[in-house]
Amino acid sequence: MSDAGADHREPVIVATFPDAGEAEIAQAKLRAFGIEAIVTDQAEMIPTLEASGGVGVEVRAADADDALAILSEDGGEPEPEPA
């Protein structure tokens, strides 16, 4: 069975922050642009990091490039959704 047409929704971490508050701000910014994002505690997910990863923000792999651009300094303002 081929998965050539499968919608790959594997999560990708696009940013990490030292605390949940900053990660939630990034999550809200991504959602304003229409990108679904979740906040994850990297220390709990990967104990070998010993909290060095902080709190991550994950998006679908298909949205990763857009999310990175939005979270960069030149991310700009959200554009209106097409009607």
N, C-alpha and C. Protein backbone atom coordinates (compact mmCIF):
# COMPACT_ATOMS: atom_id res chain seq x y z
N MET A 1 0.85 -1.19 0.00
CA MET A 1 0.00 0.00 0.00
C MET A 1 0.89 1.24 0.00
N SER A 2 0.64 2.15 -0.91
CA SER A 2 1.43 3.36 -1.05
C SER A 2 0.82 4.49 -0.23
N ASP A 3 1.68 5.33 0.34
CA ASP A 3 1.18 6.48 1.08
C ASP A 3 1.53 7.78 0.35
N ALA A 4 1.65 7.70 -0.96
CA ALA A 4 2.04 8.86 -1.76
C ALA A 4 1.10 10.03 -1.56
N GLY A 5 -0.18 9.77 -1.34
CA GLY A 5 -1.14 10.85 -1.15
C GLY A 5 -1.42 11.15 0.30
N ALA A 6 -0.67 10.56 1.22
CA ALA A 6 -0.92 10.75 2.65
C ALA A 6 -0.61 12.19 3.05
N ASP A 7 -1.41 12.70 3.98
CA ASP A 7 -1.18 14.03 4.53
C ASP A 7 -0.26 13.86 5.74
N HIS A 8 0.99 14.27 5.60
CA HIS A 8 1.96 14.10 6.67
C HIS A 8 1.77 15.20 7.70
N ARG A 9 1.34 14.79 8.88
CA ARG A 9 1.08 15.74 9.95
C ARG A 9 2.04 15.54 11.12
N GLU A 10 3.22 15.01 10.84
CA GLU A 10 4.20 14.81 11.90
C GLU A 10 4.54 16.17 12.50
N PRO A 11 4.54 16.27 13.83
CA PRO A 11 4.88 17.56 14.44
C PRO A 11 6.37 17.86 14.34
N VAL A 12 6.67 19.14 14.21
CA VAL A 12 8.04 19.62 14.10
C VAL A 12 8.20 20.75 15.11
N ILE A 13 9.26 20.71 15.89
CA ILE A 13 9.54 21.81 16.83
C ILE A 13 10.18 22.94 16.04
N VAL A 14 9.54 24.12 16.08
CA VAL A 14 10.06 25.26 15.33
C VAL A 14 10.75 26.29 16.22
N ALA A 15 10.56 26.17 17.54
CA ALA A 15 11.21 27.10 18.46
C ALA A 15 11.18 26.51 19.86
N THR A 16 12.17 26.90 20.67
CA THR A 16 12.17 26.55 22.08
C THR A 16 12.38 27.81 22.90
N PHE A 17 11.81 27.80 24.10
CA PHE A 17 11.86 28.96 24.98
C PHE A 17 12.18 28.51 26.39
N PRO A 18 12.74 29.39 27.21
CA PRO A 18 13.10 29.00 28.58
C PRO A 18 11.90 28.77 29.49
N ASP A 19 10.73 29.34 29.13
CA ASP A 19 9.56 29.12 29.98
C ASP A 19 8.28 29.05 29.14
N ALA A 20 7.24 28.54 29.77
CA ALA A 20 5.97 28.32 29.07
C ALA A 20 5.32 29.62 28.61
N GLY A 21 5.49 30.69 29.36
CA GLY A 21 4.87 31.97 28.99
C GLY A 21 5.33 32.46 27.63
N GLU A 22 6.63 32.40 27.38
CA GLU A 22 7.16 32.84 26.09
C GLU A 22 6.70 31.92 24.97
N ALA A 23 6.65 30.62 25.25
CA ALA A 23 6.19 29.66 24.25
C ALA A 23 4.73 29.91 23.91
N GLU A 24 3.92 30.25 24.90
CA GLU A 24 2.50 30.52 24.65
C GLU A 24 2.30 31.78 23.83
N ILE A 25 3.17 32.76 23.99
CA ILE A 25 3.11 33.97 23.15
C ILE A 25 3.38 33.61 21.70
N ALA A 26 4.41 32.78 21.47
CA ALA A 26 4.73 32.33 20.11
C ALA A 26 3.58 31.52 19.54
N GLN A 27 2.97 30.67 20.36
CA GLN A 27 1.82 29.87 19.92
C GLN A 27 0.68 30.79 19.49
N ALA A 28 0.40 31.81 20.26
CA ALA A 28 -0.67 32.74 19.92
C ALA A 28 -0.38 33.48 18.62
N LYS A 29 0.88 33.86 18.42
CA LYS A 29 1.27 34.55 17.19
C LYS A 29 1.04 33.65 15.98
N LEU A 30 1.45 32.37 16.10
CA LEU A 30 1.25 31.44 14.99
C LEU A 30 -0.24 31.24 14.71
N ARG A 31 -1.03 31.12 15.75
CA ARG A 31 -2.48 30.94 15.57
C ARG A 31 -3.11 32.15 14.90
N ALA A 32 -2.57 33.35 15.17
CA ALA A 32 -3.08 34.56 14.51
C ALA A 32 -2.87 34.48 13.01
N PHE A 33 -1.85 33.75 12.58
CA PHE A 33 -1.57 33.55 11.16
C PHE A 33 -2.25 32.30 10.61
N GLY A 34 -3.06 31.64 11.44
CA GLY A 34 -3.78 30.46 10.97
C GLY A 34 -3.00 29.16 11.05
N ILE A 35 -1.91 29.14 11.81
CA ILE A 35 -1.10 27.93 11.96
C ILE A 35 -1.37 27.33 13.33
N GLU A 36 -1.86 26.10 13.35
CA GLU A 36 -2.10 25.42 14.62
C GLU A 36 -0.77 25.05 15.25
N ALA A 37 -0.59 25.38 16.51
CA ALA A 37 0.65 25.12 17.22
C ALA A 37 0.35 24.60 18.62
N ILE A 38 1.24 23.75 19.12
CA ILE A 38 1.09 23.27 20.49
C ILE A 38 2.38 23.54 21.25
N VAL A 39 2.24 23.71 22.56
CA VAL A 39 3.38 23.94 23.44
C VAL A 39 3.71 22.62 24.12
N THR A 40 4.99 22.23 24.09
CA THR A 40 5.42 20.99 24.71
C THR A 40 6.60 21.23 25.62
N ASP A 41 6.63 20.51 26.74
CA ASP A 41 7.75 20.60 27.68
C ASP A 41 8.81 19.62 27.24
N GLN A 42 9.89 20.11 26.68
CA GLN A 42 10.94 19.26 26.12
C GLN A 42 11.65 18.44 27.19
N ALA A 43 11.78 18.96 28.39
CA ALA A 43 12.47 18.22 29.45
C ALA A 43 11.71 16.95 29.81
N GLU A 44 10.37 17.00 29.77
CA GLU A 44 9.57 15.82 30.07
C GLU A 44 9.60 14.82 28.93
N MET A 45 9.63 15.32 27.69
CA MET A 45 9.58 14.44 26.53
C MET A 45 10.91 13.74 26.29
N ILE A 46 12.02 14.44 26.52
CA ILE A 46 13.34 13.89 26.25
C ILE A 46 14.20 14.11 27.50
N PRO A 47 14.08 13.22 28.49
CA PRO A 47 14.77 13.44 29.77
C PRO A 47 16.28 13.62 29.65
N THR A 48 16.90 13.08 28.61
CA THR A 48 18.35 13.21 28.47
C THR A 48 18.78 14.64 28.18
N LEU A 49 17.85 15.50 27.79
CA LEU A 49 18.20 16.90 27.56
C LEU A 49 18.42 17.65 28.86
N GLU A 50 17.95 17.09 29.96
CA GLU A 50 18.08 17.71 31.27
C GLU A 50 17.65 19.17 31.24
N ALA A 51 16.48 19.40 30.68
CA ALA A 51 15.84 20.72 30.62
C ALA A 51 16.56 21.72 29.73
N SER A 52 17.58 21.31 29.00
CA SER A 52 18.28 22.25 28.14
C SER A 52 17.42 22.70 26.97
N GLY A 53 16.43 21.89 26.59
CA GLY A 53 15.57 22.24 25.48
C GLY A 53 14.49 23.22 25.84
N GLY A 54 14.15 23.34 27.11
CA GLY A 54 13.12 24.26 27.55
C GLY A 54 11.75 23.83 27.08
N VAL A 55 10.93 24.80 26.72
CA VAL A 55 9.56 24.56 26.29
C VAL A 55 9.50 24.79 24.79
N GLY A 56 9.02 23.79 24.05
CA GLY A 56 8.99 23.87 22.61
C GLY A 56 7.64 24.26 22.05
N VAL A 57 7.65 24.77 20.83
CA VAL A 57 6.44 25.05 20.07
C VAL A 57 6.48 24.18 18.84
N GLU A 58 5.46 23.34 18.68
CA GLU A 58 5.39 22.40 17.56
C GLU A 58 4.28 22.79 16.60
N VAL A 59 4.54 22.53 15.31
CA VAL A 59 3.54 22.72 14.26
C VAL A 59 3.60 21.51 13.33
N ARG A 60 2.61 21.38 12.44
CA ARG A 60 2.67 20.32 11.43
C ARG A 60 3.88 20.57 10.54
N ALA A 61 4.49 19.49 10.08
CA ALA A 61 5.67 19.61 9.22
C ALA A 61 5.40 20.51 8.02
N ALA A 62 4.20 20.42 7.46
CA ALA A 62 3.84 21.22 6.29
C ALA A 62 3.82 22.72 6.59
N ASP A 63 3.66 23.09 7.87
CA ASP A 63 3.61 24.50 8.26
C ASP A 63 4.92 25.02 8.81
N ALA A 64 5.95 24.18 8.90
CA ALA A 64 7.19 24.55 9.58
C ALA A 64 7.87 25.77 8.97
N ASP A 65 8.01 25.81 7.66
CA ASP A 65 8.70 26.95 7.02
C ASP A 65 7.96 28.26 7.28
N ASP A 66 6.63 28.22 7.14
CA ASP A 66 5.85 29.43 7.41
C ASP A 66 5.97 29.85 8.87
N ALA A 67 5.92 28.87 9.77
CA ALA A 67 6.02 29.17 11.20
C ALA A 67 7.36 29.80 11.53
N LEU A 68 8.43 29.27 10.97
CA LEU A 68 9.76 29.85 11.21
C LEU A 68 9.83 31.29 10.72
N ALA A 69 9.25 31.55 9.56
CA ALA A 69 9.25 32.92 9.02
C ALA A 69 8.45 33.85 9.92
N ILE A 70 7.32 33.38 10.41
CA ILE A 70 6.47 34.20 11.28
C ILE A 70 7.16 34.51 12.59
N LEU A 71 7.85 33.52 13.15
CA LEU A 71 8.50 33.73 14.44
C LEU A 71 9.80 34.52 14.33
N SER A 72 10.31 34.67 13.11
CA SER A 72 11.51 35.50 12.94
C SER A 72 11.12 36.96 13.08
N GLU A 73 12.09 37.82 13.23
CA GLU A 73 11.81 39.25 13.45
C GLU A 73 11.03 39.88 12.30
N ASP A 74 11.21 39.38 11.08
CA ASP A 74 10.53 39.99 9.94
C ASP A 74 9.25 39.23 9.58
N GLY A 75 8.62 38.60 10.56
CA GLY A 75 7.42 37.82 10.31
C GLY A 75 6.24 38.64 9.83
N GLY A 76 6.20 39.92 10.16
CA GLY A 76 5.11 40.79 9.69
C GLY A 76 3.81 40.57 10.43
N GLU A 77 2.76 41.09 9.86
CA GLU A 77 1.43 41.00 10.44
C GLU A 77 0.61 39.96 9.69
N PRO A 78 -0.38 39.37 10.35
CA PRO A 78 -1.22 38.39 9.65
C PRO A 78 -1.95 39.02 8.46
N GLU A 79 -2.03 38.27 7.37
CA GLU A 79 -2.79 38.72 6.22
C GLU A 79 -4.20 38.19 6.35
N PRO A 80 -5.18 38.92 5.84
CA PRO A 80 -6.56 38.45 5.91
C PRO A 80 -6.72 37.12 5.17
N GLU A 81 -7.58 36.23 5.71
CA GLU A 81 -7.89 34.97 5.05
C GLU A 81 -8.62 35.27 3.75
N PRO A 82 -8.32 34.53 2.65
CA PRO A 82 -9.06 34.77 1.42
C PRO A 82 -10.53 34.39 1.59
N ALA A 83 -11.39 35.16 0.95
CA ALA A 83 -12.83 34.92 1.09
C ALA A 83 -13.30 33.75 0.29
